[in-house]
PDB file of N, CA and C in Angstrom:
ATOM      1  N   MET A   1      -6.143 -19.390   8.476  1.00  0.00           N
ATOM      2  CA  MET A   1      -6.978 -20.015   7.763  1.00  0.00           C
ATOM      3  C   MET A   1      -6.632 -20.125   6.232  1.00  0.00           C
ATOM      4  N   ALA A   2      -7.181 -21.061   5.626  1.00  0.00           N
ATOM      5  CA  ALA A   2      -6.918 -21.455   4.171  1.00  0.00           C
ATOM      6  C   ALA A   2      -7.647 -20.320   3.330  1.00  0.00           C
ATOM      7  N   ASN A   3      -8.718 -19.927   3.683  1.00  0.00           N
ATOM      8  CA  ASN A   3      -9.738 -19.238   2.939  1.00  0.00           C
ATOM      9  C   ASN A   3      -9.502 -17.614   3.523  1.00  0.00           C
ATOM     10  N   ASP A   4      -8.629 -17.133   4.149  1.00  0.00           N
ATOM     11  CA  ASP A   4      -8.483 -15.689   4.312  1.00  0.00           C
ATOM     12  C   ASP A   4      -8.469 -15.041   3.182  1.00  0.00           C
ATOM     13  N   ALA A   5      -9.097 -13.622   3.333  1.00  0.00           N
ATOM     14  CA  ALA A   5      -9.079 -12.759   2.156  1.00  0.00           C
ATOM     15  C   ALA A   5      -8.208 -11.526   2.593  1.00  0.00           C
ATOM     16  N   TYR A   6      -7.305 -11.026   1.729  1.00  0.00           N
ATOM     17  CA  TYR A   6      -6.445 -10.005   2.112  1.00  0.00           C
ATOM     18  C   TYR A   6      -6.666  -9.063   0.763  1.00  0.00           C
ATOM     19  N   LEU A   7      -6.762  -7.655   0.952  1.00  0.00           N
ATOM     20  CA  LEU A   7      -7.062  -6.941  -0.073  1.00  0.00           C
ATOM     21  C   LEU A   7      -6.550  -5.445   0.188  1.00  0.00           C
ATOM     22  N   ALA A   8      -5.639  -5.102  -0.805  1.00  0.00           N
ATOM     23  CA  ALA A   8      -4.998  -3.884  -0.610  1.00  0.00           C
ATOM     24  C   ALA A   8      -5.802  -3.033  -1.563  1.00  0.00           C
ATOM     25  N   PHE A   9      -6.001  -1.502  -1.133  1.00  0.00           N
ATOM     26  CA  PHE A   9      -6.753  -0.681  -2.214  1.00  0.00           C
ATOM     27  C   PHE A   9      -6.490   0.630  -1.893  1.00  0.00           C
ATOM     28  N   GLU A  10      -6.557   1.408  -3.000  1.00  0.00           N
ATOM     29  CA  GLU A  10      -6.147   3.021  -2.977  1.00  0.00           C
ATOM     30  C   GLU A  10      -7.412   3.628  -2.680  1.00  0.00           C
ATOM     31  N   TRP A  11      -7.473   4.234  -1.531  1.00  0.00           N
ATOM     32  CA  TRP A  11      -8.703   4.991  -1.026  1.00  0.00           C
ATOM     33  C   TRP A  11      -8.643   6.359  -1.542  1.00  0.00           C
ATOM     34  N   GLU A  12      -7.510   6.924  -1.869  1.00  0.00           N
ATOM     35  CA  GLU A  12      -7.330   8.229  -2.386  1.00  0.00           C
ATOM     36  C   GLU A  12      -6.219   8.273  -3.125  1.00  0.00           C
ATOM     37  N   PRO A  13      -5.825   9.111  -4.091  1.00  0.00           N
ATOM     38  CA  PRO A  13      -4.718   8.879  -4.952  1.00  0.00           C
ATOM     39  C   PRO A  13      -3.284   9.070  -3.945  1.00  0.00           C
ATOM     40  N   GLY A  14      -2.656   7.883  -4.143  1.00  0.00           N
ATOM     41  CA  GLY A  14      -1.347   7.702  -3.359  1.00  0.00           C
ATOM     42  C   GLY A  14      -1.450   7.499  -1.848  1.00  0.00           C
ATOM     43  N   ALA A  15      -2.729   6.890  -1.432  1.00  0.00           N
ATOM     44  CA  ALA A  15      -3.053   6.594  -0.116  1.00  0.00           C
ATOM     45  C   ALA A  15      -3.686   5.192  -0.219  1.00  0.00           C
ATOM     46  N   TRP A  16      -2.797   4.106   0.458  1.00  0.00           N
ATOM     47  CA  TRP A  16      -3.316   2.836   0.262  1.00  0.00           C
ATOM     48  C   TRP A  16      -3.743   2.172   1.703  1.00  0.00           C
ATOM     49  N   ALA A  17      -4.574   1.219   1.631  1.00  0.00           N
ATOM     50  CA  ALA A  17      -5.024   0.474   2.922  1.00  0.00           C
ATOM     51  C   ALA A  17      -5.140  -0.976   2.707  1.00  0.00           C
ATOM     52  N   THR A  18      -5.186  -1.825   3.764  1.00  0.00           N
ATOM     53  CA  THR A  18      -5.610  -3.240   3.488  1.00  0.00           C
ATOM     54  C   THR A  18      -6.473  -3.601   4.415  1.00  0.00           C
ATOM     55  N   VAL A  19      -7.391  -4.768   4.211  1.00  0.00           N
ATOM     56  CA  VAL A  19      -8.339  -5.219   5.081  1.00  0.00           C
ATOM     57  C   VAL A  19      -8.222  -6.759   4.871  1.00  0.00           C
ATOM     58  N   GLN A  20      -8.550  -7.463   6.066  1.00  0.00           N
ATOM     59  CA  GLN A  20      -8.311  -8.802   6.084  1.00  0.00           C
ATOM     60  C   GLN A  20      -9.565  -9.375   6.659  1.00  0.00           C
ATOM     61  N   VAL A  21     -10.142 -10.454   5.918  1.00  0.00           N
ATOM     62  CA  VAL A  21     -11.444 -11.058   6.473  1.00  0.00           C
ATOM     63  C   VAL A  21     -11.012 -12.413   6.671  1.00  0.00           C
ATOM     64  N   ARG A  22     -11.637 -13.047   7.764  1.00  0.00           N
ATOM     65  CA  ARG A  22     -11.556 -14.486   8.082  1.00  0.00           C
ATOM     66  C   ARG A  22     -12.737 -15.064   8.394  1.00  0.00           C
ATOM     67  N   GLY A  23     -12.977 -16.485   8.252  1.00  0.00           N
ATOM     68  CA  GLY A  23     -13.929 -17.259   8.883  1.00  0.00           C
ATOM     69  C   GLY A  23     -15.272 -17.137   8.181  1.00  0.00           C
ATOM     70  N   PHE A  24     -15.444 -16.555   6.978  1.00  0.00           N
ATOM     71  CA  PHE A  24     -16.700 -16.541   6.324  1.00  0.00           C
ATOM     72  C   PHE A  24     -16.585 -17.300   4.945  1.00  0.00           C
ATOM     73  N   PRO A  25     -17.565 -17.793   4.576  1.00  0.00           N
ATOM     74  CA  PRO A  25     -17.486 -18.553   3.151  1.00  0.00           C
ATOM     75  C   PRO A  25     -17.112 -17.550   1.985  1.00  0.00           C
ATOM     76  N   ASP A  26     -17.635 -16.286   2.293  1.00  0.00           N
ATOM     77  CA  ASP A  26     -17.676 -15.370   1.134  1.00  0.00           C
ATOM     78  C   ASP A  26     -16.526 -14.229   1.481  1.00  0.00           C
ATOM     79  N   ASN A  27     -15.330 -14.643   1.920  1.00  0.00           N
ATOM     80  CA  ASN A  27     -14.467 -13.662   2.508  1.00  0.00           C
ATOM     81  C   ASN A  27     -13.913 -12.434   1.504  1.00  0.00           C
ATOM     82  N   ASP A  28     -13.846 -13.093   0.118  1.00  0.00           N
ATOM     83  CA  ASP A  28     -13.436 -12.142  -0.951  1.00  0.00           C
ATOM     84  C   ASP A  28     -14.440 -10.860  -1.083  1.00  0.00           C
ATOM     85  N   ASP A  29     -15.814 -11.496  -1.053  1.00  0.00           N
ATOM     86  CA  ASP A  29     -16.921 -10.439  -1.357  1.00  0.00           C
ATOM     87  C   ASP A  29     -16.928  -9.439  -0.085  1.00  0.00           C
ATOM     88  N   ARG A  30     -16.690 -10.016   1.201  1.00  0.00           N
ATOM     89  CA  ARG A  30     -16.871  -9.142   2.278  1.00  0.00           C
ATOM     90  C   ARG A  30     -15.614  -8.217   2.333  1.00  0.00           C
ATOM     91  N   ALA A  31     -14.536  -8.711   1.997  1.00  0.00           N
ATOM     92  CA  ALA A  31     -13.365  -7.863   1.814  1.00  0.00           C
ATOM     93  C   ALA A  31     -13.537  -6.677   0.974  1.00  0.00           C
ATOM     94  N   ARG A  32     -14.177  -6.873  -0.195  1.00  0.00           N
ATOM     95  CA  ARG A  32     -14.512  -5.788  -1.190  1.00  0.00           C
ATOM     96  C   ARG A  32     -15.557  -4.883  -0.636  1.00  0.00           C
ATOM     97  N   LYS A  33     -16.506  -5.429  -0.185  1.00  0.00           N
ATOM     98  CA  LYS A  33     -17.530  -4.428   0.500  1.00  0.00           C
ATOM     99  C   LYS A  33     -17.001  -3.634   1.743  1.00  0.00           C
ATOM    100  N   LEU A  34     -16.241  -4.288   2.344  1.00  0.00           N
ATOM    101  CA  LEU A  34     -15.683  -3.532   3.611  1.00  0.00           C
ATOM    102  C   LEU A  34     -14.713  -2.349   3.007  1.00  0.00           C
ATOM    103  N   ALA A  35     -13.817  -2.820   2.039  1.00  0.00           N
ATOM    104  CA  ALA A  35     -13.027  -1.737   1.526  1.00  0.00           C
ATOM    105  C   ALA A  35     -13.798  -0.517   0.850  1.00  0.00           C
ATOM    106  N   GLU A  36     -14.922  -0.776   0.137  1.00  0.00           N
ATOM    107  CA  GLU A  36     -15.611   0.093  -0.450  1.00  0.00           C
ATOM    108  C   GLU A  36     -16.315   1.102   0.613  1.00  0.00           C
ATOM    109  N   SER A  37     -16.806   0.537   1.895  1.00  0.00           N
ATOM    110  CA  SER A  37     -17.406   1.299   2.705  1.00  0.00           C
ATOM    111  C   SER A  37     -16.576   2.150   3.484  1.00  0.00           C
ATOM    112  N   LEU A  38     -15.188   1.832   3.781  1.00  0.00           N
ATOM    113  CA  LEU A  38     -14.310   2.494   4.717  1.00  0.00           C
ATOM    114  C   LEU A  38     -13.987   3.857   4.146  1.00  0.00           C
ATOM    115  N   ARG A  39     -14.037   4.845   5.255  1.00  0.00           N
ATOM    116  CA  ARG A  39     -13.835   6.336   5.072  1.00  0.00           C
ATOM    117  C   ARG A  39     -12.655   6.479   6.084  1.00  0.00           C
ATOM    118  N   PHE A  40     -11.684   7.334   5.620  1.00  0.00           N
ATOM    119  CA  PHE A  40     -10.420   7.608   6.176  1.00  0.00           C
ATOM    120  C   PHE A  40     -10.233   9.170   6.500  1.00  0.00           C
ATOM    121  N   ASP A  41      -9.492   9.428   7.529  1.00  0.00           N
ATOM    122  CA  ASP A  41      -9.148  10.822   7.879  1.00  0.00           C
ATOM    123  C   ASP A  41      -7.769  11.101   7.076  1.00  0.00           C
ATOM    124  N   GLU A  42      -7.418  12.162   6.803  1.00  0.00           N
ATOM    125  CA  GLU A  42      -6.185  12.657   6.007  1.00  0.00           C
ATOM    126  C   GLU A  42      -5.004  12.194   6.679  1.00  0.00           C
ATOM    127  N   GLN A  43      -4.874  11.945   7.954  1.00  0.00           N
ATOM    128  CA  GLN A  43      -3.663  11.531   8.547  1.00  0.00           C
ATOM    129  C   GLN A  43      -3.308  10.126   8.527  1.00  0.00           C
ATOM    130  N   ILE A  44      -4.087   9.271   7.911  1.00  0.00           N
ATOM    131  CA  ILE A  44      -3.738   7.695   7.916  1.00  0.00           C
ATOM    132  C   ILE A  44      -2.956   7.419   6.477  1.00  0.00           C
ATOM    133  N   LYS A  45      -1.818   6.878   6.449  1.00  0.00           N
ATOM    134  CA  LYS A  45      -0.995   6.497   5.630  1.00  0.00           C
ATOM    135  C   LYS A  45      -0.546   5.073   5.859  1.00  0.00           C
ATOM    136  N   VAL A  46      -0.166   4.339   4.634  1.00  0.00           N
ATOM    137  CA  VAL A  46       0.485   3.089   4.845  1.00  0.00           C
ATOM    138  C   VAL A  46       1.834   3.257   5.121  1.00  0.00           C
ATOM    139  N   LYS A  47       2.424   2.635   6.088  1.00  0.00           N
ATOM    140  CA  LYS A  47       3.749   2.617   6.220  1.00  0.00           C
ATOM    141  C   LYS A  47       4.605   1.353   5.629  1.00  0.00           C
ATOM    142  N   THR A  48       5.637   1.841   5.098  1.00  0.00           N
ATOM    143  CA  THR A  48       6.458   0.656   4.695  1.00  0.00           C
ATOM    144  C   THR A  48       7.775   0.565   5.354  1.00  0.00           C
ATOM    145  N   THR A  49       8.346  -0.651   5.407  1.00  0.00           N
ATOM    146  CA  THR A  49       9.574  -0.753   6.167  1.00  0.00           C
ATOM    147  C   THR A  49      10.858  -0.620   5.410  1.00  0.00           C
ATOM    148  N   TYR A  50      10.684  -0.135   4.143  1.00  0.00           N
ATOM    149  CA  TYR A  50      11.866  -0.115   3.398  1.00  0.00           C
ATOM    150  C   TYR A  50      11.682   0.957   2.228  1.00  0.00           C
ATOM    151  N   THR A  51      12.648   1.653   1.699  1.00  0.00           N
ATOM    152  CA  THR A  51      12.436   2.482   0.594  1.00  0.00           C
ATOM    153  C   THR A  51      13.258   2.029  -0.609  1.00  0.00           C
ATOM    154  N   VAL A  52      12.919   2.730  -1.708  1.00  0.00           N
ATOM    155  CA  VAL A  52      13.533   2.286  -2.947  1.00  0.00           C
ATOM    156  C   VAL A  52      13.793   3.490  -3.890  1.00  0.00           C
ATOM    157  N   GLN A  53      14.673   3.377  -4.789  1.00  0.00           N
ATOM    158  CA  GLN A  53      14.942   4.475  -5.735  1.00  0.00           C
ATOM    159  C   GLN A  53      14.601   3.917  -7.093  1.00  0.00           C
ATOM    160  N   THR A  54      13.420   4.592  -7.788  1.00  0.00           N
ATOM    161  CA  THR A  54      12.938   3.973  -8.990  1.00  0.00           C
ATOM    162  C   THR A  54      12.225   5.240  -9.574  1.00  0.00           C
ATOM    163  N   SER A  55      12.051   5.090 -11.173  1.00  0.00           N
ATOM    164  CA  SER A  55      11.256   5.970 -11.705  1.00  0.00           C
ATOM    165  C   SER A  55       9.943   5.320 -11.946  1.00  0.00           C
ATOM    166  N   TRP A  56       9.645   4.281 -11.722  1.00  0.00           N
ATOM    167  CA  TRP A  56       8.444   3.438 -11.734  1.00  0.00           C
ATOM    168  C   TRP A  56       7.386   3.911 -11.007  1.00  0.00           C
ATOM    169  N   GLU A  57       6.306   3.909 -11.573  1.00  0.00           N
ATOM    170  CA  GLU A  57       4.773   4.539 -10.743  1.00  0.00           C
ATOM    171  C   GLU A  57       4.445   3.352  -9.832  1.00  0.00           C
ATOM    172  N   LEU A  58       4.122   3.593  -8.767  1.00  0.00           N
ATOM    173  CA  LEU A  58       3.469   2.747  -7.775  1.00  0.00           C
ATOM    174  C   LEU A  58       1.860   2.492  -7.989  1.00  0.00           C
ATOM    175  N   GLU A  59       1.592   1.336  -8.189  1.00  0.00           N
ATOM    176  CA  GLU A  59       0.275   0.946  -8.623  1.00  0.00           C
ATOM    177  C   GLU A  59      -0.510   0.513  -7.259  1.00  0.00           C
ATOM    178  N   GLY A  60       0.162  -0.216  -6.427  1.00  0.00           N
ATOM    179  CA  GLY A  60      -0.461  -0.469  -5.263  1.00  0.00           C
ATOM    180  C   GLY A  60       0.525  -1.218  -4.007  1.00  0.00           C
ATOM    181  N   VAL A  61      -0.006  -1.247  -2.899  1.00  0.00           N
ATOM    182  CA  VAL A  61       0.857  -1.874  -1.887  1.00  0.00           C
ATOM    183  C   VAL A  61       0.006  -3.030  -1.349  1.00  0.00           C
ATOM    184  N   ASN A  62       0.550  -4.123  -1.000  1.00  0.00           N
ATOM    185  CA  ASN A  62      -0.052  -5.304  -0.579  1.00  0.00           C
ATOM    186  C   ASN A  62       0.570  -5.588   0.790  1.00  0.00           C
ATOM    187  N   ASP A  63      -0.293  -5.803   1.756  1.00  0.00           N
ATOM    188  CA  ASP A  63       0.527  -6.237   3.157  1.00  0.00           C
ATOM    189  C   ASP A  63      -0.116  -7.710   3.545  1.00  0.00           C
ATOM    190  N   THR A  64       0.634  -8.609   3.306  1.00  0.00           N
ATOM    191  CA  THR A  64       0.411 -10.108   3.651  1.00  0.00           C
ATOM    192  C   THR A  64       0.986 -10.488   4.677  1.00  0.00           C
ATOM    193  N   ARG A  65       0.146 -10.445   5.812  1.00  0.00           N
ATOM    194  CA  ARG A  65       0.628 -10.929   7.130  1.00  0.00           C
ATOM    195  C   ARG A  65       1.833 -10.132   7.630  1.00  0.00           C
ATOM    196  N   GLY A  66       1.902  -9.100   7.390  1.00  0.00           N
ATOM    197  CA  GLY A  66       3.018  -8.073   7.706  1.00  0.00           C
ATOM    198  C   GLY A  66       4.259  -7.876   6.685  1.00  0.00           C
ATOM    199  N   ASN A  67       4.187  -8.737   5.512  1.00  0.00           N
ATOM    200  CA  ASN A  67       5.213  -8.558   4.673  1.00  0.00           C
ATOM    201  C   ASN A  67       4.616  -7.569   3.429  1.00  0.00           C
ATOM    202  N   VAL A  68       5.007  -6.270   3.409  1.00  0.00           N
ATOM    203  CA  VAL A  68       4.852  -5.449   2.654  1.00  0.00           C
ATOM    204  C   VAL A  68       5.432  -5.485   1.257  1.00  0.00           C
ATOM    205  N   GLU A  69       4.494  -5.408   0.219  1.00  0.00           N
ATOM    206  CA  GLU A  69       4.958  -5.765  -1.101  1.00  0.00           C
ATOM    207  C   GLU A  69       4.561  -4.437  -1.959  1.00  0.00           C
ATOM    208  N   LEU A  70       5.348  -3.838  -2.749  1.00  0.00           N
ATOM    209  CA  LEU A  70       5.140  -2.729  -3.670  1.00  0.00           C
ATOM    210  C   LEU A  70       4.988  -3.267  -4.904  1.00  0.00           C
ATOM    211  N   VAL A  71       3.834  -2.868  -5.563  1.00  0.00           N
ATOM    212  CA  VAL A  71       3.325  -3.297  -6.884  1.00  0.00           C
ATOM    213  C   VAL A  71       3.388  -2.176  -7.830  1.00  0.00           C
ATOM    214  N   PHE A  72       4.166  -2.214  -8.774  1.00  0.00           N
ATOM    215  CA  PHE A  72       4.375  -1.019  -9.955  1.00  0.00           C
ATOM    216  C   PHE A  72       3.401  -1.233 -10.914  1.00  0.00           C
ATOM    217  N   THR A  73       3.246  -0.301 -11.809  1.00  0.00           N
ATOM    218  CA  THR A  73       2.407  -0.194 -12.956  1.00  0.00           C
ATOM    219  C   THR A  73       2.892  -1.029 -13.958  1.00  0.00           C
ATOM    220  N   ASN A  74       4.096  -1.540 -13.929  1.00  0.00           N
ATOM    221  CA  ASN A  74       4.766  -2.611 -15.004  1.00  0.00           C
ATOM    222  C   ASN A  74       4.612  -3.861 -14.356  1.00  0.00           C
ATOM    223  N   ALA A  75       3.807  -4.147 -13.336  1.00  0.00           N
ATOM    224  CA  ALA A  75       3.382  -5.290 -12.897  1.00  0.00           C
ATOM    225  C   ALA A  75       4.595  -6.047 -12.012  1.00  0.00           C
ATOM    226  N   VAL A  76       5.786  -5.269 -11.808  1.00  0.00           N
ATOM    227  CA  VAL A  76       6.756  -5.656 -11.090  1.00  0.00           C
ATOM    228  C   VAL A  76       6.432  -5.605  -9.645  1.00  0.00           C
ATOM    229  N   ARG A  77       6.585  -6.975  -8.803  1.00  0.00           N
ATOM    230  CA  ARG A  77       6.229  -6.679  -7.264  1.00  0.00           C
ATOM    231  C   ARG A  77       7.560  -6.853  -6.489  1.00  0.00           C
ATOM    232  N   LEU A  78       7.701  -5.956  -5.747  1.00  0.00           N
ATOM    233  CA  LEU A  78       9.129  -6.128  -4.690  1.00  0.00           C
ATOM    234  C   LEU A  78       8.596  -6.017  -3.327  1.00  0.00           C
ATOM    235  N   SER A  79       9.282  -7.019  -2.639  1.00  0.00           N
ATOM    236  CA  SER A  79       9.130  -7.165  -1.159  1.00  0.00           C
ATOM    237  C   SER A  79      10.435  -7.570  -0.520  1.00  0.00           C
ATOM    238  N   LEU A  80      10.498  -7.471   0.738  1.00  0.00           N
ATOM    239  CA  LEU A  80      11.573  -7.771   1.377  1.00  0.00           C
ATOM    240  C   LEU A  80      11.331  -9.111   2.142  1.00  0.00           C
ATOM    241  N   GLN A  81      12.154 -10.253   1.903  1.00  0.00           N
ATOM    242  CA  GLN A  81      11.968 -11.522   2.828  1.00  0.00           C
ATOM    243  C   GLN A  81      13.226 -11.666   3.423  1.00  0.00           C
ATOM    244  N   ARG A  82      12.898 -11.894   4.584  1.00  0.00           N
ATOM    245  CA  ARG A  82      14.105 -11.994   5.599  1.00  0.00           C
ATOM    246  C   ARG A  82      15.220 -11.212   5.223  1.00  0.00           C
ATOM    247  N   GLY A  83      14.780  -9.846   5.072  1.00  0.00           N
ATOM    248  CA  GLY A  83      15.756  -8.799   4.718  1.00  0.00           C
ATOM    249  C   GLY A  83      16.571  -8.646   3.320  1.00  0.00           C
ATOM    250  N   VAL A  84      16.017  -9.668   2.434  1.00  0.00           N
ATOM    251  CA  VAL A  84      16.663  -9.782   1.166  1.00  0.00           C
ATOM    252  C   VAL A  84      15.533  -9.211  -0.003  1.00  0.00           C
ATOM    253  N   ALA A  85      15.846  -8.153  -0.696  1.00  0.00           N
ATOM    254  CA  ALA A  85      14.856  -7.677  -1.726  1.00  0.00           C
ATOM    255  C   ALA A  85      14.667  -8.707  -2.705  1.00  0.00           C
ATOM    256  N   VAL A  86      13.233  -9.201  -3.103  1.00  0.00           N
ATOM    257  CA  VAL A  86      12.834 -10.058  -3.993  1.00  0.00           C
ATOM    258  C   VAL A  86      11.769  -9.379  -4.945  1.00  0.00           C
ATOM    259  N   THR A  87      12.071  -9.588  -6.207  1.00  0.00           N
ATOM    260  CA  THR A  87      10.997  -9.259  -7.147  1.00  0.00           C
ATOM    261  C   THR A  87      10.514 -10.367  -7.869  1.00  0.00           C
ATOM    262  N   GLN A  88       9.269 -10.053  -8.464  1.00  0.00           N
ATOM    263  CA  GLN A  88       8.357 -11.100  -9.042  1.00  0.00           C
ATOM    264  C   GLN A  88       7.749 -10.430 -10.260  1.00  0.00           C
ATOM    265  N   GLY A  89       7.358 -11.140 -11.249  1.00  0.00           N
ATOM    266  CA  GLY A  89       6.620 -10.723 -12.294  1.00  0.00           C
ATOM    267  C   GLY A  89       7.077  -9.531 -13.010  1.00  0.00           C
ATOM    268  N   GLY A  90       6.216  -8.947 -13.919  1.00  0.00           N
ATOM    269  CA  GLY A  90       6.357  -7.599 -14.543  1.00  0.00           C
ATOM    270  C   GLY A  90       7.000  -7.786 -15.728  1.00  0.00           C
ATOM    271  N   SER A  91       7.301  -6.612 -16.470  1.00  0.00           N
ATOM    272  CA  SER A  91       8.057  -6.534 -17.741  1.00  0.00           C
ATOM    273  C   SER A  91       9.303  -5.501 -17.556  1.00  0.00           C
ATOM    274  N   ALA A  92      10.304  -5.946 -17.007  1.00  0.00           N
ATOM    275  CA  ALA A  92      11.569  -5.167 -16.858  1.00  0.00           C
ATOM    276  C   ALA A  92      12.591  -6.147 -16.932  1.00  0.00           C
ATOM    277  N   SER A  93      13.733  -5.643 -17.381  1.00  0.00           N
ATOM    278  CA  SER A  93      14.856  -6.403 -17.835  1.00  0.00           C
ATOM    279  C   SER A  93      15.518  -6.749 -16.455  1.00  0.00           C
ATOM    280  N   GLU A  94      16.364  -7.809 -16.544  1.00  0.00           N
ATOM    281  CA  GLU A  94      17.188  -8.219 -15.446  1.00  0.00           C
ATOM    282  C   GLU A  94      18.153  -7.060 -14.772  1.00  0.00           C
ATOM    283  N   ALA A  95      18.475  -6.442 -15.630  1.00  0.00           N
ATOM    284  CA  ALA A  95      19.248  -5.110 -15.030  1.00  0.00           C
ATOM    285  C   ALA A  95      18.499  -4.249 -14.469  1.00  0.00           C
ATOM    286  N   GLU A  96      17.310  -3.814 -14.856  1.00  0.00           N
ATOM    287  CA  GLU A  96      16.241  -2.990 -14.133  1.00  0.00           C
ATOM    288  C   GLU A  96      15.978  -3.611 -12.862  1.00  0.00           C
ATOM    289  N   LEU A  97      15.514  -4.907 -12.905  1.00  0.00           N
ATOM    290  CA  LEU A  97      15.293  -5.627 -11.573  1.00  0.00           C
ATOM    291  C   LEU A  97      16.454  -5.620 -10.646  1.00  0.00           C
ATOM    292  N   ASP A  98      17.689  -5.706 -11.117  1.00  0.00           N
ATOM    293  CA  ASP A  98      18.674  -5.776 -10.157  1.00  0.00           C
ATOM    294  C   ASP A  98      18.984  -4.462  -9.608  1.00  0.00           C
ATOM    295  N   ALA A  99      18.864  -3.283 -10.460  1.00  0.00           N
ATOM    296  CA  ALA A  99      18.945  -1.888 -10.128  1.00  0.00           C
ATOM    297  C   ALA A  99      17.926  -1.740  -8.894  1.00  0.00           C
ATOM    298  N   LEU A 100      16.850  -2.079  -9.025  1.00  0.00           N
ATOM    299  CA  LEU A 100      15.720  -1.890  -8.160  1.00  0.00           C
ATOM    300  C   LEU A 100      16.046  -2.565  -6.657  1.00  0.00           C
ATOM    301  N   LYS A 101      16.382  -3.763  -6.844  1.00  0.00           N
ATOM    302  CA  LYS A 101      16.767  -4.767  -5.758  1.00  0.00           C
ATOM    303  C   LYS A 101      17.880  -3.881  -4.945  1.00  0.00           C
ATOM    304  N   ALA A 102      18.830  -3.418  -5.740  1.00  0.00           N
ATOM    305  CA  ALA A 102      20.058  -2.825  -4.922  1.00  0.00           C
ATOM    306  C   ALA A 102      19.815  -1.484  -4.293  1.00  0.00           C
ATOM    307  N   SER A 103      18.586  -0.883  -4.645  1.00  0.00           N
ATOM    308  CA  SER A 103      18.305   0.315  -4.071  1.00  0.00           C
ATOM    309  C   SER A 103      17.361   0.251  -2.956  1.00  0.00           C
ATOM    310  N   VAL A 104      17.142  -0.885  -2.642  1.00  0.00           N
ATOM    311  CA  VAL A 104      16.299  -0.928  -1.358  1.00  0.00           C
ATOM    312  C   VAL A 104      17.134  -0.665  -0.158  1.00  0.00           C
ATOM    313  N   ARG A 105      16.588   0.188   0.658  1.00  0.00           N
ATOM    314  CA  ARG A 105      17.221   0.606   2.153  1.00  0.00           C
ATOM    315  C   ARG A 105      16.190   0.347   3.115  1.00  0.00           C
ATOM    316  N   LEU A 106      16.536  -0.190   4.252  1.00  0.00           N
ATOM    317  CA  LEU A 106      15.560  -0.377   5.473  1.00  0.00           C
ATOM    318  C   LEU A 106      15.269   0.885   6.078  1.00  0.00           C
ATOM    319  N   ALA A 107      13.974   1.215   6.332  1.00  0.00           N
ATOM    320  CA  ALA A 107      13.553   2.552   6.878  1.00  0.00           C
ATOM    321  C   ALA A 107      13.120   2.166   8.429  1.00  0.00           C
ATOM    322  N   ASN A 108      13.834   2.670   9.251  1.00  0.00           N
ATOM    323  CA  ASN A 108      13.594   2.546  10.718  1.00  0.00           C
ATOM    324  C   ASN A 108      13.597   3.881  11.297  1.00  0.00           C
ATOM    325  N   PRO A 109      12.464   4.491  11.795  1.00  0.00           N
ATOM    326  CA  PRO A 109      11.022   3.751  11.773  1.00  0.00           C
ATOM    327  C   PRO A 109      10.325   3.841  10.358  1.00  0.00           C
ATOM    328  N   PRO A 110       9.495   2.796   9.989  1.00  0.00           N
ATOM    329  CA  PRO A 110       8.714   2.876   8.697  1.00  0.00           C
ATOM    330  C   PRO A 110       8.203   4.194   8.240  1.00  0.00           C
ATOM    331  N   VAL A 111       8.209   4.235   6.940  1.00  0.00           N
ATOM    332  CA  VAL A 111       7.869   5.411   6.245  1.00  0.00           C
ATOM    333  C   VAL A 111       6.519   5.509   5.593  1.00  0.00           C
ATOM    334  N   THR A 112       5.816   6.669   5.159  1.00  0.00           N
ATOM    335  CA  THR A 112       4.715   6.611   4.534  1.00  0.00           C
ATOM    336  C   THR A 112       4.837   6.676   3.066  1.00  0.00           C
ATOM    337  N   ASN A 113       6.118   7.220   2.606  1.00  0.00           N
ATOM    338  CA  ASN A 113       6.549   7.436   1.271  1.00  0.00           C
ATOM    339  C   ASN A 113       7.695   6.364   1.022  1.00  0.00           C
ATOM    340  N   PRO A 114       7.573   5.438   0.099  1.00  0.00           N
ATOM    341  CA  PRO A 114       8.415   4.266   0.146  1.00  0.00           C
ATOM    342  C   PRO A 114       9.477   4.877  -1.057  1.00  0.00           C
ATOM    343  N   PHE A 115       9.462   5.946  -1.674  1.00  0.00           N
ATOM    344  CA  PHE A 115      10.447   6.513  -2.650  1.00  0.00           C
ATOM    345  C   PHE A 115      11.391   7.564  -1.951  1.00  0.00           C
ATOM    346  N   ARG A 116      12.634   7.369  -2.315  1.00  0.00           N
ATOM    347  CA  ARG A 116      13.662   8.364  -1.437  1.00  0.00           C
ATOM    348  C   ARG A 116      14.149   8.970  -2.740  1.00  0.00           C
TER     349      ARG A 116
END
């Protein structure tokens, strides 16, 4: 649906989750309220399908219809699209972005810590 709401949030330091809400006129508000009300057990972790080498700090993880995107504190977004590393936004040089993309390795099975 065109008005689906996806929200990634850090439920405790270093632990991320996503919620998806569909079919309501207030999807964004419902997703936020749902995220605020969720409680997790310490065994739950977000799994990513790839790993990277970088000194950048992770700000968040977005999962949009199965496509996991790492978001760093410098606003760089990294995802895999058809097996190719793609970066968007942020304040990093082309050389830094190229090094980040070159460091991406598939993780099979998926891992809970994207940094290697």
